[in-house]
């Protein structure tokens, strides 16, 4: 790895974490409910963006280094597996098992579909 790449990944990670906090906080204040919608929106939008990054890299539209900074740095810190798991466990502990299942499976399926859609869109546009 190039010596200049790690500092860029670190800065991008800080920016991703800040964006995650701001978006999650904004959604959380506006949409109250049992489901952690802020985390869901963050993770699904991050999966979509990662699919776009993957598609761009696959088509030669961006370099591996740019993909590492954006995908590994920014999006790695923007999305949050640990918060998704914590919020799912919290729902189970509060007796909201159905909401926990919706959070776990809904986020997983929506994230997978969003990532595939982002990749597919780039591949389709590149042809």
N, C-alpha and C. Protein backbone atom coordinates (compact mmCIF):
# COMPACT_ATOMS: atom_id res chain seq x y z
N UNK A 1 0.84 -1.17 0.00
CA UNK A 1 0.00 0.00 0.00
C UNK A 1 0.89 1.24 0.00
N UNK A 2 0.47 2.23 -0.77
CA UNK A 2 1.22 3.48 -0.82
C UNK A 2 1.16 4.19 0.52
N UNK A 3 2.23 4.89 0.88
CA UNK A 3 2.29 5.57 2.17
C UNK A 3 1.27 6.69 2.30
N UNK A 4 0.85 7.27 1.20
CA UNK A 4 -0.11 8.37 1.24
C UNK A 4 -1.55 7.86 1.33
N UNK A 5 -1.76 6.56 1.11
CA UNK A 5 -3.12 6.03 1.08
C UNK A 5 -3.74 5.93 2.48
N UNK A 6 -2.98 5.48 3.45
CA UNK A 6 -3.51 5.32 4.80
C UNK A 6 -4.04 6.63 5.39
N UNK A 7 -3.31 7.74 5.31
CA UNK A 7 -3.88 8.99 5.84
C UNK A 7 -5.18 9.40 5.13
N UNK A 8 -5.27 9.15 3.83
CA UNK A 8 -6.51 9.47 3.11
C UNK A 8 -7.66 8.60 3.58
N UNK A 9 -7.39 7.32 3.81
CA UNK A 9 -8.43 6.42 4.31
C UNK A 9 -8.88 6.87 5.70
N UNK A 10 -7.94 7.29 6.51
CA UNK A 10 -8.27 7.75 7.86
C UNK A 10 -9.13 9.01 7.83
N UNK A 11 -8.78 9.96 7.00
CA UNK A 11 -9.58 11.19 6.87
C UNK A 11 -10.97 10.87 6.33
N UNK A 12 -11.02 10.01 5.31
CA UNK A 12 -12.31 9.62 4.75
C UNK A 12 -13.16 8.91 5.79
N UNK A 13 -12.54 8.09 6.62
CA UNK A 13 -13.25 7.41 7.69
C UNK A 13 -13.84 8.39 8.69
N UNK A 14 -13.09 9.40 9.04
CA UNK A 14 -13.61 10.43 9.95
C UNK A 14 -14.80 11.16 9.35
N UNK A 15 -14.70 11.45 8.07
CA UNK A 15 -15.81 12.13 7.39
C UNK A 15 -17.04 11.21 7.32
N UNK A 16 -16.82 9.93 7.05
CA UNK A 16 -17.93 8.98 6.98
C UNK A 16 -18.63 8.85 8.32
N UNK A 17 -17.85 8.77 9.40
CA UNK A 17 -18.43 8.66 10.74
C UNK A 17 -19.24 9.91 11.08
N UNK A 18 -18.74 11.07 10.73
CA UNK A 18 -19.47 12.31 11.00
C UNK A 18 -20.77 12.36 10.19
N UNK A 19 -20.71 11.96 8.94
CA UNK A 19 -21.93 11.95 8.11
C UNK A 19 -22.95 10.96 8.66
N UNK A 20 -22.49 9.80 9.11
CA UNK A 20 -23.39 8.81 9.70
C UNK A 20 -24.09 9.40 10.91
N UNK A 21 -23.33 10.03 11.79
CA UNK A 21 -23.91 10.61 13.00
C UNK A 21 -24.96 11.66 12.64
N UNK A 22 -24.63 12.56 11.73
CA UNK A 22 -25.54 13.63 11.38
C UNK A 22 -26.84 13.10 10.75
N UNK A 23 -26.72 12.14 9.83
CA UNK A 23 -27.91 11.60 9.18
C UNK A 23 -28.75 10.79 10.16
N UNK A 24 -28.13 9.94 10.95
CA UNK A 24 -28.85 9.13 11.93
C UNK A 24 -29.55 10.02 12.95
N UNK A 25 -28.88 11.03 13.42
CA UNK A 25 -29.45 11.95 14.39
C UNK A 25 -30.64 12.71 13.80
N UNK A 26 -30.50 13.19 12.57
CA UNK A 26 -31.58 13.93 11.91
C UNK A 26 -32.82 13.04 11.74
N UNK A 27 -32.62 11.83 11.27
CA UNK A 27 -33.75 10.92 11.08
C UNK A 27 -34.35 10.54 12.42
N UNK A 28 -33.51 10.26 13.39
CA UNK A 28 -34.00 9.88 14.72
C UNK A 28 -34.85 10.95 15.38
N UNK A 29 -34.51 12.21 15.17
CA UNK A 29 -35.30 13.30 15.76
C UNK A 29 -36.62 13.51 15.04
N UNK A 30 -36.66 13.19 13.76
CA UNK A 30 -37.87 13.45 12.96
C UNK A 30 -38.82 12.27 12.89
N UNK A 31 -38.31 11.07 13.02
CA UNK A 31 -39.13 9.87 12.84
C UNK A 31 -38.99 8.98 14.07
N UNK A 32 -39.85 9.18 15.02
CA UNK A 32 -39.82 8.37 16.23
C UNK A 32 -40.60 7.08 16.01
N UNK A 33 -40.13 6.02 16.61
CA UNK A 33 -40.80 4.74 16.50
C UNK A 33 -39.94 3.65 17.09
N UNK A 34 -40.41 2.42 16.98
CA UNK A 34 -39.69 1.29 17.54
C UNK A 34 -38.45 0.97 16.71
N UNK A 35 -38.60 0.97 15.40
CA UNK A 35 -37.48 0.61 14.52
C UNK A 35 -36.43 1.72 14.46
N UNK A 36 -35.16 1.36 14.47
CA UNK A 36 -34.08 2.34 14.33
C UNK A 36 -33.90 2.74 12.86
N UNK A 37 -34.79 3.60 12.37
CA UNK A 37 -34.80 3.94 10.95
C UNK A 37 -33.53 4.68 10.51
N UNK A 38 -32.95 5.46 11.40
CA UNK A 38 -31.73 6.18 11.04
C UNK A 38 -30.61 5.23 10.65
N UNK A 39 -30.41 4.20 11.45
CA UNK A 39 -29.37 3.22 11.15
C UNK A 39 -29.71 2.46 9.88
N UNK A 40 -30.98 2.14 9.69
CA UNK A 40 -31.39 1.44 8.47
C UNK A 40 -31.09 2.28 7.23
N UNK A 41 -31.44 3.55 7.28
CA UNK A 41 -31.20 4.43 6.13
C UNK A 41 -29.71 4.57 5.87
N UNK A 42 -28.94 4.74 6.92
CA UNK A 42 -27.49 4.86 6.76
C UNK A 42 -26.91 3.60 6.13
N UNK A 43 -27.26 2.44 6.65
CA UNK A 43 -26.67 1.20 6.15
C UNK A 43 -27.12 0.88 4.73
N UNK A 44 -28.38 1.11 4.41
CA UNK A 44 -28.86 0.81 3.06
C UNK A 44 -28.27 1.80 2.05
N UNK A 45 -28.21 3.08 2.41
CA UNK A 45 -27.62 4.06 1.50
C UNK A 45 -26.12 3.80 1.32
N UNK A 46 -25.46 3.37 2.40
CA UNK A 46 -24.05 3.01 2.29
C UNK A 46 -23.83 1.79 1.42
N UNK A 47 -24.72 0.82 1.50
CA UNK A 47 -24.63 -0.37 0.65
C UNK A 47 -24.82 0.00 -0.82
N UNK A 48 -25.77 0.90 -1.09
CA UNK A 48 -25.99 1.38 -2.45
C UNK A 48 -24.73 2.07 -2.98
N UNK A 49 -24.17 2.94 -2.16
CA UNK A 49 -22.95 3.66 -2.56
C UNK A 49 -21.78 2.70 -2.76
N UNK A 50 -21.68 1.68 -1.91
CA UNK A 50 -20.60 0.71 -2.07
C UNK A 50 -20.78 -0.08 -3.36
N UNK A 51 -22.02 -0.39 -3.73
CA UNK A 51 -22.27 -1.04 -5.01
C UNK A 51 -21.82 -0.18 -6.17
N UNK A 52 -22.07 1.13 -6.07
CA UNK A 52 -21.62 2.05 -7.12
C UNK A 52 -20.10 2.07 -7.20
N UNK A 53 -19.44 2.14 -6.05
CA UNK A 53 -17.97 2.13 -6.01
C UNK A 53 -17.44 0.84 -6.63
N UNK A 54 -18.03 -0.27 -6.26
CA UNK A 54 -17.62 -1.57 -6.79
C UNK A 54 -17.82 -1.62 -8.30
N UNK A 55 -18.95 -1.12 -8.77
CA UNK A 55 -19.21 -1.09 -10.20
C UNK A 55 -18.22 -0.21 -10.94
N UNK A 56 -17.94 0.96 -10.39
CA UNK A 56 -16.97 1.86 -11.02
C UNK A 56 -15.59 1.24 -11.09
N UNK A 57 -15.20 0.56 -10.03
CA UNK A 57 -13.90 -0.08 -10.02
C UNK A 57 -13.88 -1.24 -11.02
N UNK A 58 -14.97 -1.98 -11.10
CA UNK A 58 -15.06 -3.11 -12.05
C UNK A 58 -14.93 -2.66 -13.49
N UNK A 59 -15.48 -1.48 -13.77
CA UNK A 59 -15.45 -0.96 -15.15
C UNK A 59 -14.20 -0.16 -15.45
N UNK A 60 -13.34 0.02 -14.48
CA UNK A 60 -12.14 0.82 -14.68
C UNK A 60 -12.39 2.31 -14.56
N UNK A 61 -13.55 2.69 -14.01
CA UNK A 61 -13.89 4.10 -13.86
C UNK A 61 -13.16 4.79 -12.72
N UNK A 62 -12.75 4.00 -11.73
CA UNK A 62 -11.94 4.52 -10.62
C UNK A 62 -10.86 3.50 -10.31
N UNK A 63 -9.81 3.98 -9.71
CA UNK A 63 -8.69 3.09 -9.37
C UNK A 63 -9.00 2.32 -8.09
N UNK A 64 -8.22 1.29 -7.86
CA UNK A 64 -8.34 0.52 -6.62
C UNK A 64 -8.10 1.41 -5.41
N UNK A 65 -7.16 2.35 -5.54
CA UNK A 65 -6.85 3.25 -4.41
C UNK A 65 -8.04 4.14 -4.07
N UNK A 66 -8.70 4.67 -5.09
CA UNK A 66 -9.88 5.51 -4.84
C UNK A 66 -10.98 4.66 -4.21
N UNK A 67 -11.15 3.44 -4.69
CA UNK A 67 -12.15 2.54 -4.12
C UNK A 67 -11.84 2.24 -2.66
N UNK A 68 -10.57 2.10 -2.32
CA UNK A 68 -10.19 1.85 -0.93
C UNK A 68 -10.50 3.05 -0.04
N UNK A 69 -10.22 4.24 -0.55
CA UNK A 69 -10.49 5.45 0.25
C UNK A 69 -12.00 5.65 0.43
N UNK A 70 -12.74 5.54 -0.66
CA UNK A 70 -14.18 5.78 -0.58
C UNK A 70 -14.90 4.59 0.07
N UNK A 71 -14.61 3.38 -0.41
CA UNK A 71 -15.30 2.20 0.10
C UNK A 71 -14.85 1.78 1.48
N UNK A 72 -13.55 1.65 1.66
CA UNK A 72 -13.02 1.21 2.94
C UNK A 72 -12.98 2.30 3.99
N UNK A 73 -12.64 3.51 3.56
CA UNK A 73 -12.55 4.63 4.50
C UNK A 73 -13.89 5.26 4.81
N UNK A 74 -14.43 5.99 3.83
CA UNK A 74 -15.67 6.72 4.05
C UNK A 74 -16.84 5.79 4.35
N UNK A 75 -17.11 4.86 3.44
CA UNK A 75 -18.29 4.01 3.60
C UNK A 75 -18.12 2.99 4.73
N UNK A 76 -16.88 2.57 4.99
CA UNK A 76 -16.64 1.67 6.11
C UNK A 76 -16.99 2.31 7.44
N UNK A 77 -16.76 3.60 7.56
CA UNK A 77 -17.10 4.30 8.80
C UNK A 77 -18.53 4.84 8.76
N UNK A 78 -19.04 5.10 7.58
CA UNK A 78 -20.41 5.61 7.42
C UNK A 78 -21.42 4.53 7.81
N UNK A 79 -21.23 3.33 7.30
CA UNK A 79 -22.13 2.24 7.66
C UNK A 79 -21.71 1.68 9.01
N UNK A 80 -22.62 0.97 9.67
CA UNK A 80 -22.30 0.55 11.01
C UNK A 80 -22.93 -0.79 11.36
N UNK A 81 -22.14 -1.83 11.27
CA UNK A 81 -22.59 -3.16 11.64
C UNK A 81 -22.85 -3.25 13.14
N UNK A 82 -21.97 -2.68 13.93
CA UNK A 82 -22.09 -2.80 15.38
C UNK A 82 -23.36 -2.13 15.90
N UNK A 83 -23.70 -0.97 15.38
CA UNK A 83 -24.93 -0.30 15.82
C UNK A 83 -26.15 -1.09 15.39
N UNK A 84 -26.12 -1.65 14.20
CA UNK A 84 -27.22 -2.48 13.70
C UNK A 84 -27.44 -3.66 14.65
N UNK A 85 -26.37 -4.33 15.05
CA UNK A 85 -26.49 -5.47 15.97
C UNK A 85 -26.94 -5.02 17.36
N UNK A 86 -26.36 -3.94 17.85
CA UNK A 86 -26.74 -3.42 19.17
C UNK A 86 -28.22 -3.07 19.21
N UNK A 87 -28.70 -2.36 18.20
CA UNK A 87 -30.10 -1.95 18.19
C UNK A 87 -31.03 -3.16 18.05
N UNK A 88 -30.61 -4.17 17.33
CA UNK A 88 -31.41 -5.39 17.20
C UNK A 88 -31.48 -6.11 18.55
N UNK A 89 -30.36 -6.23 19.23
CA UNK A 89 -30.33 -6.86 20.55
C UNK A 89 -31.16 -6.06 21.55
N UNK A 90 -31.07 -4.75 21.49
CA UNK A 90 -31.86 -3.89 22.38
C UNK A 90 -33.35 -4.13 22.17
N UNK A 91 -33.77 -4.28 20.92
CA UNK A 91 -35.18 -4.55 20.63
C UNK A 91 -35.60 -5.90 21.23
N UNK A 92 -34.76 -6.91 21.12
CA UNK A 92 -35.06 -8.22 21.72
C UNK A 92 -35.20 -8.08 23.23
N UNK A 93 -34.25 -7.39 23.85
CA UNK A 93 -34.29 -7.21 25.30
C UNK A 93 -35.52 -6.45 25.77
N UNK A 94 -36.02 -5.55 24.93
CA UNK A 94 -37.22 -4.78 25.27
C UNK A 94 -38.51 -5.54 24.94
N UNK A 95 -38.38 -6.76 24.43
CA UNK A 95 -39.54 -7.56 24.10
C UNK A 95 -40.12 -7.30 22.72
N UNK A 96 -39.46 -6.50 21.94
CA UNK A 96 -39.93 -6.18 20.58
C UNK A 96 -39.26 -7.13 19.59
N UNK A 97 -39.55 -8.40 19.73
CA UNK A 97 -38.89 -9.43 18.90
C UNK A 97 -39.25 -9.29 17.42
N UNK A 98 -40.47 -8.94 17.15
CA UNK A 98 -40.87 -8.77 15.74
C UNK A 98 -40.11 -7.59 15.11
N UNK A 99 -40.01 -6.49 15.84
CA UNK A 99 -39.25 -5.34 15.34
C UNK A 99 -37.78 -5.70 15.16
N UNK A 100 -37.24 -6.51 16.07
CA UNK A 100 -35.84 -6.94 15.95
C UNK A 100 -35.65 -7.77 14.69
N UNK A 101 -36.58 -8.67 14.42
CA UNK A 101 -36.49 -9.49 13.22
C UNK A 101 -36.60 -8.64 11.96
N UNK A 102 -37.51 -7.68 11.99
CA UNK A 102 -37.66 -6.76 10.85
C UNK A 102 -36.37 -5.97 10.66
N UNK A 103 -35.79 -5.50 11.75
CA UNK A 103 -34.55 -4.73 11.66
C UNK A 103 -33.42 -5.59 11.10
N UNK A 104 -33.26 -6.79 11.61
CA UNK A 104 -32.18 -7.67 11.14
C UNK A 104 -32.38 -8.08 9.69
N UNK A 105 -33.50 -8.69 9.41
CA UNK A 105 -33.72 -9.22 8.06
C UNK A 105 -33.98 -8.11 7.04
N UNK A 106 -34.73 -7.10 7.44
CA UNK A 106 -35.02 -6.00 6.52
C UNK A 106 -33.76 -5.27 6.10
N UNK A 107 -32.90 -4.98 7.07
CA UNK A 107 -31.65 -4.29 6.74
C UNK A 107 -30.74 -5.16 5.89
N UNK A 108 -30.68 -6.44 6.20
CA UNK A 108 -29.84 -7.36 5.43
C UNK A 108 -30.32 -7.46 3.98
N UNK A 109 -31.61 -7.69 3.81
CA UNK A 109 -32.15 -7.83 2.45
C UNK A 109 -32.09 -6.51 1.68
N UNK A 110 -32.48 -5.42 2.33
CA UNK A 110 -32.45 -4.12 1.65
C UNK A 110 -31.02 -3.71 1.32
N UNK A 111 -30.08 -3.96 2.23
CA UNK A 111 -28.68 -3.63 1.96
C UNK A 111 -28.10 -4.45 0.82
N UNK A 112 -28.39 -5.73 0.81
CA UNK A 112 -27.92 -6.57 -0.29
C UNK A 112 -28.50 -6.14 -1.62
N UNK A 113 -29.80 -5.86 -1.62
CA UNK A 113 -30.45 -5.40 -2.85
C UNK A 113 -29.90 -4.04 -3.29
N UNK A 114 -29.67 -3.15 -2.34
CA UNK A 114 -29.14 -1.83 -2.69
C UNK A 114 -27.74 -1.93 -3.26
N UNK A 115 -26.90 -2.77 -2.68
CA UNK A 115 -25.54 -2.93 -3.19
C UNK A 115 -25.56 -3.49 -4.61
N UNK A 116 -26.39 -4.51 -4.81
CA UNK A 116 -26.51 -5.10 -6.15
C UNK A 116 -27.07 -4.09 -7.14
N UNK A 117 -28.03 -3.27 -6.70
CA UNK A 117 -28.61 -2.26 -7.58
C UNK A 117 -27.58 -1.20 -7.97
N UNK A 118 -26.77 -0.76 -7.01
CA UNK A 118 -25.73 0.22 -7.32
C UNK A 118 -24.72 -0.33 -8.31
N UNK A 119 -24.27 -1.57 -8.08
CA UNK A 119 -23.34 -2.21 -8.99
C UNK A 119 -23.97 -2.39 -10.37
N UNK A 120 -25.19 -2.91 -10.40
CA UNK A 120 -25.87 -3.16 -11.66
C UNK A 120 -26.12 -1.89 -12.46
N UNK A 121 -26.46 -0.82 -11.78
CA UNK A 121 -26.70 0.46 -12.46
C UNK A 121 -25.43 0.94 -13.15
N UNK A 122 -24.32 0.88 -12.45
CA UNK A 122 -23.05 1.32 -13.05
C UNK A 122 -22.67 0.44 -14.23
N UNK A 123 -22.80 -0.86 -14.08
CA UNK A 123 -22.48 -1.78 -15.17
C UNK A 123 -23.39 -1.51 -16.37
N UNK A 124 -24.66 -1.31 -16.12
CA UNK A 124 -25.63 -1.04 -17.20
C UNK A 124 -25.29 0.28 -17.91
N UNK A 125 -24.98 1.32 -17.14
CA UNK A 125 -24.65 2.62 -17.74
C UNK A 125 -23.33 2.57 -18.50
N UNK A 126 -22.41 1.72 -18.07
CA UNK A 126 -21.10 1.63 -18.71
C UNK A 126 -21.17 0.94 -20.07
N UNK A 127 -22.23 0.23 -20.34
CA UNK A 127 -22.34 -0.50 -21.63
C UNK A 127 -22.90 0.33 -22.70
